[in-house]
N, C-alpha and C. Protein backbone atom coordinates (compact mmCIF):
# COMPACT_ATOMS: atom_id res chain seq x y z
N MET A 1 4.01 61.12 6.06
CA MET A 1 3.05 60.04 6.48
C MET A 1 2.77 59.17 5.25
N GLU A 2 2.78 59.46 3.90
CA GLU A 2 2.42 58.65 2.98
C GLU A 2 3.60 57.70 2.73
N THR A 3 4.76 58.10 2.96
CA THR A 3 6.07 57.33 2.99
C THR A 3 5.84 56.14 4.00
N PHE A 4 5.42 56.49 5.15
CA PHE A 4 5.25 55.48 6.37
C PHE A 4 4.26 54.56 5.94
N PHE A 5 3.02 54.86 5.47
CA PHE A 5 2.17 53.74 5.01
C PHE A 5 2.57 53.02 3.76
N THR A 6 3.40 53.60 2.95
CA THR A 6 3.98 52.92 1.85
C THR A 6 4.87 51.78 2.45
N LEU A 7 5.78 52.08 3.46
CA LEU A 7 6.65 51.14 3.87
C LEU A 7 5.84 49.93 4.67
N ILE A 8 4.77 50.28 5.30
CA ILE A 8 4.12 49.30 5.99
C ILE A 8 3.43 48.34 4.84
N ILE A 9 2.92 48.94 3.84
CA ILE A 9 2.20 48.05 2.97
C ILE A 9 3.01 47.20 2.26
N GLY A 10 4.33 47.85 1.96
CA GLY A 10 5.32 47.16 1.38
C GLY A 10 5.88 45.90 2.20
N ALA A 11 5.88 46.04 3.58
CA ALA A 11 6.39 45.13 4.54
C ALA A 11 5.25 43.99 4.51
N LEU A 12 4.09 44.47 4.65
CA LEU A 12 2.90 43.30 4.45
C LEU A 12 3.06 42.56 3.33
N LEU A 13 3.19 43.14 2.27
CA LEU A 13 3.25 42.28 0.82
C LEU A 13 4.46 41.42 1.03
N VAL A 14 5.64 41.88 1.48
CA VAL A 14 6.77 41.09 1.54
C VAL A 14 6.71 39.81 2.48
N LEU A 15 5.99 40.20 3.64
CA LEU A 15 5.62 39.12 4.62
C LEU A 15 4.62 38.10 3.94
N VAL A 16 3.70 38.44 3.24
CA VAL A 16 2.66 37.52 2.62
C VAL A 16 3.49 36.83 1.56
N ALA A 17 4.34 37.46 0.75
CA ALA A 17 4.99 36.63 -0.36
C ALA A 17 5.97 35.44 0.30
N VAL A 18 6.44 36.08 1.51
CA VAL A 18 7.45 35.04 2.24
C VAL A 18 6.70 33.96 2.72
N THR A 19 5.57 34.08 3.24
CA THR A 19 4.72 33.08 3.84
C THR A 19 4.21 32.19 2.84
N ILE A 20 3.76 32.87 1.49
CA ILE A 20 3.16 31.75 0.54
C ILE A 20 4.46 31.06 -0.03
N TYR A 21 5.57 31.61 -0.13
CA TYR A 21 6.82 30.80 -0.64
C TYR A 21 7.26 29.91 0.40
N ARG A 22 7.21 30.10 1.61
CA ARG A 22 7.59 29.07 2.69
C ARG A 22 6.54 27.85 2.66
N PHE A 23 5.42 28.30 2.53
CA PHE A 23 4.14 27.25 2.34
C PHE A 23 4.51 26.29 1.30
N PHE A 24 4.82 26.72 0.08
CA PHE A 24 4.86 26.05 -1.07
C PHE A 24 6.18 25.04 -0.99
N ILE A 25 7.31 25.75 -0.38
CA ILE A 25 8.60 25.02 -0.35
C ILE A 25 8.48 23.95 0.66
N GLU A 26 7.72 24.34 1.96
CA GLU A 26 7.62 23.08 2.78
C GLU A 26 6.91 21.98 2.41
N LYS A 27 5.87 22.39 1.65
CA LYS A 27 4.96 21.42 0.91
C LYS A 27 5.72 20.49 -0.15
N LYS A 28 6.60 21.24 -0.74
CA LYS A 28 7.43 20.52 -1.67
C LYS A 28 8.36 19.45 -1.10
N ARG A 29 9.08 20.27 -0.05
CA ARG A 29 10.10 19.38 0.68
C ARG A 29 9.36 18.18 1.45
N THR A 30 8.05 18.51 1.91
CA THR A 30 7.48 17.15 2.58
C THR A 30 7.16 16.31 1.62
N THR A 31 6.76 16.54 0.32
CA THR A 31 6.44 15.60 -0.78
C THR A 31 7.77 14.80 -1.16
N TYR A 32 8.83 15.70 -1.22
CA TYR A 32 10.11 14.92 -1.50
C TYR A 32 10.41 13.97 -0.48
N GLN A 33 10.26 14.17 0.78
CA GLN A 33 10.57 13.37 1.90
C GLN A 33 9.73 12.07 1.72
N ALA A 34 8.54 12.30 1.35
CA ALA A 34 7.55 11.19 1.42
C ALA A 34 8.17 10.07 0.18
N THR A 35 8.55 10.60 -1.03
CA THR A 35 9.17 10.15 -2.10
C THR A 35 10.47 9.27 -1.63
N VAL A 36 11.18 10.19 -1.02
CA VAL A 36 12.52 9.37 -0.68
C VAL A 36 12.26 8.25 0.41
N LEU A 37 11.25 8.36 1.21
CA LEU A 37 10.98 7.42 2.37
C LEU A 37 10.50 6.14 1.51
N VAL A 38 9.52 6.20 0.37
CA VAL A 38 9.16 5.02 -0.17
C VAL A 38 10.36 4.48 -0.86
N ASP A 39 11.14 5.26 -1.46
CA ASP A 39 12.36 4.67 -2.32
C ASP A 39 13.30 3.78 -1.29
N GLN A 40 13.43 4.36 -0.08
CA GLN A 40 14.50 3.92 0.97
C GLN A 40 13.83 2.50 1.33
N ILE A 41 12.36 2.52 1.53
CA ILE A 41 11.82 1.31 1.98
C ILE A 41 11.87 -0.01 0.83
N LYS A 42 11.79 0.54 -0.30
CA LYS A 42 11.84 -0.37 -1.29
C LYS A 42 13.16 -0.80 -1.63
N LYS A 43 14.21 0.06 -1.45
CA LYS A 43 15.56 -0.38 -1.71
C LYS A 43 16.05 -1.52 -0.59
N VAL A 44 15.34 -1.48 0.57
CA VAL A 44 15.68 -2.50 1.45
C VAL A 44 15.33 -3.79 0.82
N CYS A 45 14.28 -3.69 0.05
CA CYS A 45 13.89 -4.97 -0.76
C CYS A 45 13.57 -6.20 0.26
N LYS A 46 14.69 -7.24 0.06
CA LYS A 46 14.37 -8.34 0.67
C LYS A 46 15.04 -8.63 2.02
N PHE A 47 14.12 -8.93 2.86
CA PHE A 47 14.64 -9.04 4.38
C PHE A 47 14.35 -10.60 4.62
N VAL A 48 15.52 -11.34 4.98
CA VAL A 48 15.59 -12.56 5.43
C VAL A 48 15.28 -12.60 6.89
N THR A 49 14.41 -13.56 7.26
CA THR A 49 14.01 -13.54 8.72
C THR A 49 14.38 -15.09 9.13
N VAL A 50 14.52 -16.22 8.35
CA VAL A 50 14.88 -17.44 8.83
C VAL A 50 15.49 -18.13 7.58
N GLU A 51 16.40 -19.03 8.18
CA GLU A 51 17.16 -19.92 7.10
C GLU A 51 16.89 -21.49 7.77
N GLY A 52 16.70 -22.22 6.77
CA GLY A 52 16.50 -23.79 6.87
C GLY A 52 17.44 -24.39 6.10
N ASP A 53 18.23 -25.69 6.86
CA ASP A 53 19.10 -26.47 6.20
C ASP A 53 18.55 -27.78 5.88
N PHE A 54 18.76 -28.26 4.54
CA PHE A 54 18.19 -29.38 4.12
C PHE A 54 18.95 -30.41 3.70
N ALA A 55 18.80 -31.79 3.90
CA ALA A 55 19.63 -32.67 3.33
C ALA A 55 18.76 -33.78 2.93
N GLU A 56 18.74 -34.11 1.51
CA GLU A 56 17.93 -34.86 0.69
C GLU A 56 18.41 -35.95 -0.12
N ILE A 57 17.94 -37.01 -0.18
CA ILE A 57 18.48 -38.01 -1.22
C ILE A 57 17.56 -38.06 -2.32
N TYR A 58 17.91 -37.94 -3.63
CA TYR A 58 17.26 -37.81 -4.85
C TYR A 58 17.61 -38.79 -5.70
N HIS A 59 16.73 -39.74 -6.17
CA HIS A 59 16.86 -40.79 -7.08
C HIS A 59 16.55 -40.45 -8.50
N TYR A 60 17.68 -40.54 -9.35
CA TYR A 60 17.48 -40.18 -10.77
C TYR A 60 17.48 -41.44 -11.67
N GLU A 61 16.67 -41.46 -12.46
CA GLU A 61 16.69 -42.79 -13.53
C GLU A 61 16.01 -42.33 -14.84
N ASN A 62 16.56 -42.71 -15.88
CA ASN A 62 16.42 -42.65 -17.27
C ASN A 62 16.47 -43.67 -17.94
N VAL A 63 15.58 -44.08 -18.86
CA VAL A 63 15.67 -45.18 -19.64
C VAL A 63 15.34 -44.78 -21.25
N LYS A 64 16.17 -45.19 -22.19
CA LYS A 64 16.00 -45.08 -23.41
C LYS A 64 15.82 -46.48 -24.19
N GLU A 65 14.72 -46.49 -25.05
CA GLU A 65 14.39 -47.77 -25.75
C GLU A 65 14.51 -47.56 -27.27
N ARG A 66 15.27 -48.62 -27.75
CA ARG A 66 15.42 -48.52 -29.31
C ARG A 66 14.82 -49.87 -29.88
N TYR A 67 14.86 -49.68 -31.23
CA TYR A 67 14.39 -50.94 -32.06
C TYR A 67 13.07 -51.52 -31.61
N LEU A 68 12.12 -50.80 -31.59
CA LEU A 68 10.74 -51.05 -31.21
C LEU A 68 10.69 -51.47 -29.79
N LYS A 69 11.43 -50.95 -29.10
CA LYS A 69 11.29 -51.14 -27.62
C LYS A 69 12.03 -52.57 -27.25
N LEU A 70 12.56 -53.03 -28.03
CA LEU A 70 13.41 -54.45 -27.85
C LEU A 70 14.65 -54.28 -27.11
N ILE A 71 15.33 -53.10 -27.18
CA ILE A 71 16.55 -52.93 -26.39
C ILE A 71 16.28 -51.67 -25.67
N SER A 72 16.72 -51.74 -24.33
CA SER A 72 16.54 -50.39 -23.60
C SER A 72 18.00 -50.25 -22.96
N SER A 73 18.26 -48.98 -22.61
CA SER A 73 19.45 -48.55 -22.06
C SER A 73 19.01 -47.66 -21.00
N ARG A 74 19.64 -47.84 -19.70
CA ARG A 74 19.32 -47.09 -18.74
C ARG A 74 20.53 -46.56 -18.03
N LYS A 75 20.15 -45.17 -17.40
CA LYS A 75 21.22 -44.45 -16.60
C LYS A 75 20.62 -43.88 -15.37
N LYS A 76 21.24 -43.99 -14.22
CA LYS A 76 20.81 -43.64 -13.09
C LYS A 76 21.77 -43.09 -12.07
N ALA A 77 21.36 -42.42 -11.18
CA ALA A 77 22.32 -41.73 -10.07
C ALA A 77 21.52 -41.57 -8.69
N LEU A 78 22.44 -41.69 -7.76
CA LEU A 78 21.78 -41.20 -6.50
C LEU A 78 22.42 -40.05 -6.12
N ILE A 79 21.64 -38.79 -5.74
CA ILE A 79 22.08 -37.55 -5.73
C ILE A 79 21.75 -37.13 -4.27
N VAL A 80 22.78 -36.65 -3.48
CA VAL A 80 22.64 -36.13 -2.25
C VAL A 80 22.78 -34.72 -2.27
N ILE A 81 21.60 -34.07 -1.74
CA ILE A 81 21.43 -32.63 -1.83
C ILE A 81 21.60 -32.05 -0.49
N ASN A 82 22.56 -31.13 -0.30
CA ASN A 82 22.65 -30.37 0.81
C ASN A 82 22.35 -28.77 0.56
N ALA A 83 21.34 -28.41 1.16
CA ALA A 83 20.90 -27.12 0.73
C ALA A 83 20.55 -26.10 1.88
N LYS A 84 20.68 -24.89 1.72
CA LYS A 84 20.21 -23.91 2.55
C LYS A 84 19.04 -22.81 1.89
N ALA A 85 17.86 -22.87 2.55
CA ALA A 85 16.77 -22.09 2.07
C ALA A 85 16.68 -20.85 3.01
N GLN A 86 16.48 -19.73 2.44
CA GLN A 86 16.44 -18.37 3.15
C GLN A 86 14.86 -18.00 2.79
N VAL A 87 14.16 -17.85 3.92
CA VAL A 87 12.87 -17.38 3.84
C VAL A 87 12.67 -16.01 4.39
N GLY A 88 11.86 -15.10 3.81
CA GLY A 88 11.64 -13.69 4.35
C GLY A 88 10.49 -13.05 3.61
N PHE A 89 10.72 -11.69 3.52
CA PHE A 89 9.71 -10.89 2.87
C PHE A 89 10.43 -10.02 1.84
N ASP A 90 9.60 -9.87 0.65
CA ASP A 90 10.10 -8.99 -0.39
C ASP A 90 9.51 -7.74 0.03
N LEU A 91 10.11 -6.74 0.63
CA LEU A 91 9.53 -5.51 1.02
C LEU A 91 9.16 -4.50 -0.18
N SER A 92 9.48 -4.91 -1.39
CA SER A 92 9.22 -4.09 -2.63
C SER A 92 7.58 -4.31 -2.84
N LYS A 93 7.04 -5.35 -2.29
CA LYS A 93 5.61 -5.59 -2.51
C LYS A 93 4.83 -5.21 -1.24
N ILE A 94 5.16 -4.41 -0.46
CA ILE A 94 4.44 -3.68 0.59
C ILE A 94 3.54 -2.55 -0.26
N GLU A 95 2.51 -2.23 0.52
CA GLU A 95 1.63 -1.15 -0.09
C GLU A 95 1.52 -0.11 1.07
N ILE A 96 1.73 1.03 0.93
CA ILE A 96 1.74 2.22 1.60
C ILE A 96 0.90 3.39 1.25
N GLU A 97 0.60 4.20 2.16
CA GLU A 97 0.02 5.52 1.88
C GLU A 97 0.59 6.82 2.62
N THR A 98 0.63 7.81 2.07
CA THR A 98 1.25 9.02 2.81
C THR A 98 0.55 10.03 3.19
N ASN A 99 0.70 10.35 4.41
CA ASN A 99 0.07 11.50 4.88
C ASN A 99 0.89 12.88 5.01
N LEU A 100 1.01 13.70 4.25
CA LEU A 100 1.89 14.71 3.96
C LEU A 100 1.63 15.69 5.23
N LYS A 101 0.36 15.88 5.60
CA LYS A 101 0.41 17.06 6.66
C LYS A 101 0.80 16.42 7.95
N GLN A 102 0.55 15.11 8.16
CA GLN A 102 0.88 14.71 9.64
C GLN A 102 2.35 14.12 9.43
N LYS A 103 2.92 13.96 8.28
CA LYS A 103 4.39 13.22 8.07
C LYS A 103 4.18 11.73 8.60
N ARG A 104 3.32 11.21 8.00
CA ARG A 104 2.94 9.80 8.48
C ARG A 104 2.83 8.90 7.23
N ILE A 105 3.57 7.59 7.26
CA ILE A 105 3.41 6.56 6.16
C ILE A 105 2.59 5.58 6.90
N VAL A 106 1.49 5.23 6.21
CA VAL A 106 0.44 4.23 6.74
C VAL A 106 0.72 3.04 5.88
N LEU A 107 1.16 1.90 6.52
CA LEU A 107 1.27 0.58 6.04
C LEU A 107 -0.05 -0.08 5.87
N THR A 108 -0.49 -0.38 4.61
CA THR A 108 -2.05 -0.94 4.46
C THR A 108 -1.86 -2.30 3.95
N HIS A 109 -0.61 -2.70 3.62
CA HIS A 109 -0.47 -4.15 3.15
C HIS A 109 1.00 -4.87 3.37
N PHE A 110 1.14 -5.90 3.90
CA PHE A 110 2.37 -6.53 4.17
C PHE A 110 2.41 -7.82 3.36
N PRO A 111 3.42 -8.27 2.72
CA PRO A 111 3.35 -9.38 2.02
C PRO A 111 3.63 -10.81 2.83
N GLN A 112 3.20 -11.81 2.22
CA GLN A 112 3.21 -13.08 2.84
C GLN A 112 4.88 -13.51 2.79
N PRO A 113 5.43 -14.40 3.66
CA PRO A 113 6.89 -14.85 3.41
C PRO A 113 6.84 -15.60 2.14
N GLU A 114 8.16 -15.68 1.60
CA GLU A 114 8.57 -16.38 0.41
C GLU A 114 9.76 -16.76 0.35
N ILE A 115 10.27 -17.81 -0.40
CA ILE A 115 11.55 -18.15 -0.47
C ILE A 115 12.50 -17.13 -1.23
N LEU A 116 13.43 -16.64 -0.69
CA LEU A 116 14.20 -15.50 -1.07
C LEU A 116 15.42 -16.03 -1.93
N SER A 117 16.00 -17.29 -1.50
CA SER A 117 17.30 -17.77 -2.11
C SER A 117 17.43 -19.30 -1.57
N ILE A 118 18.11 -19.99 -2.50
CA ILE A 118 18.45 -21.28 -2.20
C ILE A 118 19.85 -21.73 -2.75
N GLU A 119 20.59 -21.98 -1.72
CA GLU A 119 21.95 -22.27 -1.91
C GLU A 119 22.19 -23.96 -1.81
N ASN A 120 22.44 -24.58 -3.05
CA ASN A 120 22.50 -26.15 -3.03
C ASN A 120 23.79 -26.64 -3.35
N ASP A 121 24.28 -27.77 -2.82
CA ASP A 121 25.38 -28.35 -3.09
C ASP A 121 25.14 -29.77 -3.54
N ILE A 122 25.28 -30.37 -4.65
CA ILE A 122 25.03 -31.73 -5.09
C ILE A 122 26.17 -32.71 -5.32
N ASN A 123 26.12 -33.64 -4.73
CA ASN A 123 26.97 -34.87 -4.88
C ASN A 123 26.34 -35.97 -5.51
N TYR A 124 27.13 -36.78 -6.50
CA TYR A 124 26.47 -37.76 -7.18
C TYR A 124 27.05 -39.14 -6.55
N TYR A 125 26.42 -40.14 -6.44
CA TYR A 125 26.77 -41.43 -5.91
C TYR A 125 25.98 -42.62 -6.69
N ASP A 126 26.73 -43.74 -6.88
CA ASP A 126 26.18 -44.64 -7.61
C ASP A 126 25.82 -44.21 -9.12
N LYS A 127 26.58 -43.73 -9.65
CA LYS A 127 26.22 -43.08 -10.97
C LYS A 127 26.60 -44.33 -11.95
N LYS A 128 25.48 -44.65 -12.72
CA LYS A 128 25.55 -45.72 -13.63
C LYS A 128 24.98 -45.33 -15.19
N GLU A 129 25.73 -45.69 -16.16
CA GLU A 129 25.38 -45.46 -17.52
C GLU A 129 24.92 -46.62 -18.39
N GLY A 130 24.28 -46.38 -19.29
CA GLY A 130 23.85 -47.57 -20.23
C GLY A 130 24.72 -47.39 -21.55
N PHE A 131 24.60 -48.41 -22.33
CA PHE A 131 25.55 -48.43 -23.50
C PHE A 131 25.32 -47.29 -24.47
N PHE A 132 23.90 -46.97 -24.75
CA PHE A 132 23.80 -45.73 -25.46
C PHE A 132 22.92 -44.80 -24.71
N ASN A 133 23.04 -44.63 -23.67
CA ASN A 133 22.30 -43.54 -22.58
C ASN A 133 23.35 -43.14 -21.54
N LYS A 134 24.27 -42.37 -22.12
CA LYS A 134 25.05 -41.69 -21.26
C LYS A 134 24.82 -40.25 -20.63
N PHE A 135 25.47 -39.96 -19.58
CA PHE A 135 25.34 -38.59 -19.01
C PHE A 135 25.97 -37.57 -19.57
N GLU A 136 25.17 -36.55 -20.05
CA GLU A 136 25.73 -35.52 -20.81
C GLU A 136 25.67 -34.23 -20.04
N ALA A 137 26.33 -33.16 -20.48
CA ALA A 137 26.35 -31.89 -19.86
C ALA A 137 25.01 -31.26 -19.55
N GLN A 138 24.15 -31.57 -20.40
CA GLN A 138 22.67 -31.04 -20.34
C GLN A 138 21.97 -31.81 -19.38
N ASP A 139 22.20 -33.18 -19.19
CA ASP A 139 21.61 -33.82 -18.13
C ASP A 139 22.00 -33.39 -16.75
N LEU A 140 23.16 -32.88 -16.44
CA LEU A 140 23.79 -32.57 -15.31
C LEU A 140 23.24 -31.01 -14.94
N THR A 141 22.87 -30.28 -15.93
CA THR A 141 22.15 -28.94 -15.86
C THR A 141 20.81 -29.16 -15.41
N GLU A 142 20.17 -30.32 -16.08
CA GLU A 142 18.85 -30.42 -15.66
C GLU A 142 18.67 -30.95 -14.18
N LEU A 143 19.64 -31.98 -13.87
CA LEU A 143 19.57 -32.45 -12.53
C LEU A 143 19.83 -31.45 -11.43
N GLN A 144 20.86 -30.51 -11.86
CA GLN A 144 20.79 -29.21 -10.96
C GLN A 144 19.43 -28.61 -10.69
N LYS A 145 18.77 -28.25 -11.80
CA LYS A 145 17.40 -27.59 -11.63
C LYS A 145 16.27 -28.61 -11.01
N GLU A 146 16.46 -29.73 -11.21
CA GLU A 146 15.51 -30.74 -10.47
C GLU A 146 15.73 -30.72 -8.98
N ALA A 147 17.11 -30.66 -8.61
CA ALA A 147 17.55 -30.69 -7.30
C ALA A 147 17.00 -29.48 -6.59
N LYS A 148 17.11 -28.38 -7.00
CA LYS A 148 16.80 -27.14 -6.52
C LYS A 148 15.34 -27.07 -6.49
N GLN A 149 14.58 -27.71 -7.43
CA GLN A 149 13.05 -27.77 -7.42
C GLN A 149 12.59 -28.54 -6.25
N HIS A 150 13.28 -29.63 -6.05
CA HIS A 150 13.15 -30.42 -5.05
C HIS A 150 13.08 -29.95 -3.67
N ILE A 151 14.15 -29.02 -3.40
CA ILE A 151 14.11 -28.34 -2.15
C ILE A 151 13.09 -27.47 -1.94
N ILE A 152 12.75 -26.71 -3.07
CA ILE A 152 11.66 -25.53 -2.97
C ILE A 152 10.46 -26.36 -2.85
N ASN A 153 10.09 -27.51 -3.13
CA ASN A 153 8.79 -28.25 -2.84
C ASN A 153 8.94 -28.61 -1.39
N LYS A 154 9.99 -28.95 -0.84
CA LYS A 154 10.28 -29.27 0.55
C LYS A 154 10.00 -28.09 1.64
N VAL A 155 10.25 -26.95 1.12
CA VAL A 155 10.00 -25.85 2.11
C VAL A 155 8.58 -25.72 2.61
N PRO A 156 7.60 -25.81 1.82
CA PRO A 156 6.24 -25.85 2.61
C PRO A 156 6.00 -26.70 3.63
N GLU A 157 6.62 -28.07 3.50
CA GLU A 157 6.50 -29.05 4.35
C GLU A 157 7.18 -28.68 5.59
N SER A 158 8.32 -27.88 5.65
CA SER A 158 8.93 -27.43 6.91
C SER A 158 8.08 -26.54 7.54
N ASN A 159 8.77 -25.89 8.82
CA ASN A 159 7.98 -25.02 9.45
C ASN A 159 8.57 -23.42 9.13
N LEU A 160 9.30 -23.26 8.08
CA LEU A 160 9.74 -22.03 8.03
C LEU A 160 8.95 -20.81 7.53
N TYR A 161 7.90 -21.16 6.85
CA TYR A 161 6.84 -20.07 6.60
C TYR A 161 6.27 -19.44 7.80
N ASN A 162 5.92 -20.52 8.78
CA ASN A 162 5.35 -19.99 9.91
C ASN A 162 6.15 -19.28 10.88
N VAL A 163 7.60 -19.69 10.92
CA VAL A 163 8.44 -18.94 11.71
C VAL A 163 8.68 -17.70 11.24
N ALA A 164 8.68 -17.53 9.98
CA ALA A 164 8.71 -16.19 9.22
C ALA A 164 7.77 -15.19 9.50
N ARG A 165 6.48 -15.89 9.54
CA ARG A 165 5.30 -15.05 9.92
C ARG A 165 5.52 -14.39 11.30
N LYS A 166 5.96 -15.29 12.08
CA LYS A 166 6.21 -14.70 13.48
C LYS A 166 7.27 -13.73 13.66
N GLU A 167 8.06 -13.59 12.55
CA GLU A 167 9.16 -12.70 12.51
C GLU A 167 8.61 -11.32 11.69
N ALA A 168 7.50 -11.26 11.19
CA ALA A 168 7.12 -10.11 10.39
C ALA A 168 7.32 -8.88 11.33
N LEU A 169 7.12 -8.83 12.44
CA LEU A 169 7.08 -7.75 13.30
C LEU A 169 8.49 -6.93 13.07
N ASP A 170 9.56 -7.94 13.06
CA ASP A 170 10.95 -7.38 12.97
C ASP A 170 11.04 -6.65 11.55
N SER A 171 10.36 -7.24 10.53
CA SER A 171 10.29 -6.64 9.24
C SER A 171 9.87 -5.11 9.33
N ILE A 172 8.72 -5.14 10.15
CA ILE A 172 7.79 -3.90 10.24
C ILE A 172 8.75 -2.75 10.96
N LEU A 173 9.46 -3.28 11.98
CA LEU A 173 10.32 -2.43 12.85
C LEU A 173 11.60 -1.87 12.10
N LEU A 174 11.98 -2.64 11.16
CA LEU A 174 13.03 -2.26 10.27
C LEU A 174 12.61 -1.02 9.33
N ILE A 175 11.29 -1.30 8.75
CA ILE A 175 10.73 -0.19 8.04
C ILE A 175 10.58 1.23 9.06
N GLU A 176 10.04 1.09 10.26
CA GLU A 176 9.74 1.98 11.13
C GLU A 176 11.20 2.87 11.45
N ASN A 177 12.22 2.11 11.48
CA ASN A 177 13.43 2.79 11.56
C ASN A 177 13.89 3.83 10.66
N VAL A 178 13.65 3.18 9.38
CA VAL A 178 13.98 3.84 8.05
C VAL A 178 13.09 5.12 8.10
N VAL A 179 11.78 5.21 8.43
CA VAL A 179 11.00 6.13 8.47
C VAL A 179 11.09 7.23 9.42
N GLN A 180 11.84 6.79 10.52
CA GLN A 180 12.02 7.83 11.63
C GLN A 180 13.09 8.49 11.47
N THR A 181 14.02 8.13 10.52
CA THR A 181 15.42 8.75 10.26
C THR A 181 15.25 10.11 9.98
N ILE A 182 14.05 10.49 9.40
CA ILE A 182 13.87 11.99 8.76
C ILE A 182 12.60 12.71 9.62
N GLY A 183 12.24 11.86 10.66
CA GLY A 183 11.25 12.63 11.41
C GLY A 183 9.75 12.20 11.18
N TRP A 184 9.65 11.16 10.33
CA TRP A 184 8.23 10.83 10.02
C TRP A 184 8.02 9.71 10.91
N GLN A 185 6.48 9.18 10.94
CA GLN A 185 6.05 8.17 11.74
C GLN A 185 5.48 7.04 10.94
N LEU A 186 5.58 5.77 11.23
CA LEU A 186 5.00 4.78 10.57
C LEU A 186 3.55 4.21 11.39
N ASP A 187 2.62 4.20 10.63
CA ASP A 187 1.33 3.73 11.15
C ASP A 187 1.11 2.39 10.59
N TYR A 188 0.92 1.25 11.44
CA TYR A 188 0.60 0.12 11.02
C TYR A 188 -0.41 -0.53 11.72
N SER A 189 -1.15 0.26 12.46
CA SER A 189 -2.21 -0.20 13.24
C SER A 189 -3.47 -0.88 12.66
N LYS A 190 -3.59 -0.68 11.32
CA LYS A 190 -4.71 -1.37 10.58
C LYS A 190 -4.24 -2.52 9.84
N LEU A 191 -3.03 -2.83 9.87
CA LEU A 191 -2.36 -3.80 8.96
C LEU A 191 -2.80 -5.18 9.40
N LYS A 192 -3.26 -5.97 8.30
CA LYS A 192 -3.45 -7.31 8.59
C LYS A 192 -2.62 -8.22 7.59
N LEU A 193 -2.03 -9.14 8.26
CA LEU A 193 -1.00 -9.93 7.57
C LEU A 193 -1.84 -11.14 6.66
N GLU A 194 -1.32 -11.44 5.58
CA GLU A 194 -2.03 -12.33 4.85
C GLU A 194 -1.55 -13.86 5.68
N LYS A 195 -2.68 -14.59 5.43
CA LYS A 195 -2.39 -16.00 6.05
C LYS A 195 -2.49 -17.03 5.05
N LYS A 196 -2.81 -16.87 3.91
CA LYS A 196 -2.68 -17.86 2.76
C LYS A 196 -1.31 -18.41 2.63
N ALA A 197 -1.27 -19.54 2.23
CA ALA A 197 -0.24 -20.25 1.82
C ALA A 197 0.57 -19.57 0.57
N PRO A 198 1.95 -19.31 0.81
CA PRO A 198 2.71 -18.74 -0.58
C PRO A 198 2.77 -19.52 -1.62
N LYS A 199 2.77 -19.08 -2.86
CA LYS A 199 2.61 -19.75 -3.92
C LYS A 199 4.04 -20.47 -4.13
N GLU A 200 4.14 -21.66 -4.67
CA GLU A 200 5.37 -22.34 -4.93
C GLU A 200 6.00 -21.75 -6.13
N LEU A 201 7.36 -21.85 -5.98
CA LEU A 201 8.18 -21.53 -6.89
C LEU A 201 8.66 -22.35 -7.78
N LYS A 202 8.91 -21.87 -9.17
CA LYS A 202 9.39 -22.93 -10.16
C LYS A 202 10.80 -22.26 -10.67
N VAL A 203 11.73 -23.30 -10.87
CA VAL A 203 12.99 -22.85 -11.33
C VAL A 203 13.05 -23.07 -12.70
């Protein structure tokens, strides 16, 4: 009889130990899944939703003066800029909360659209130099930067940001697909998108 009770008590102790072990293992696994999800979402990083093509004419002129401004030398160029601007969302800037018990990711903040990349091609026309004011390699490098900044300044005047905002749901659905891959849910019911204008970039 004592042996029988000993076996029962032993079985109960084993059952309790296994239950506690499974509880902590499951909790650890859930926490790990949540961490993996956040990392996966941030690895997606930049999601392009709209592209815009720009063709701009940029006038460059520089004047150097010498001998008490009695002599001046001028260099100038007509620059044709063909560029492509990609606008979308930097998903590393989203803010999320995790509900481990319900295996739910709550999206609390979604960033505003921004310029993700600009590819530009520059052609020089009507390039003229002065006697002591020549185009140097540094000048061409600065012109490249000025041309790119010129396109960046033009993006807010276009409709690209508004179009990107309308495509924000596609970005959220992309995140939802990532979350669902391991059986979690994405909750974005309380999400409010920012409406303020994005900050202008500087190159």
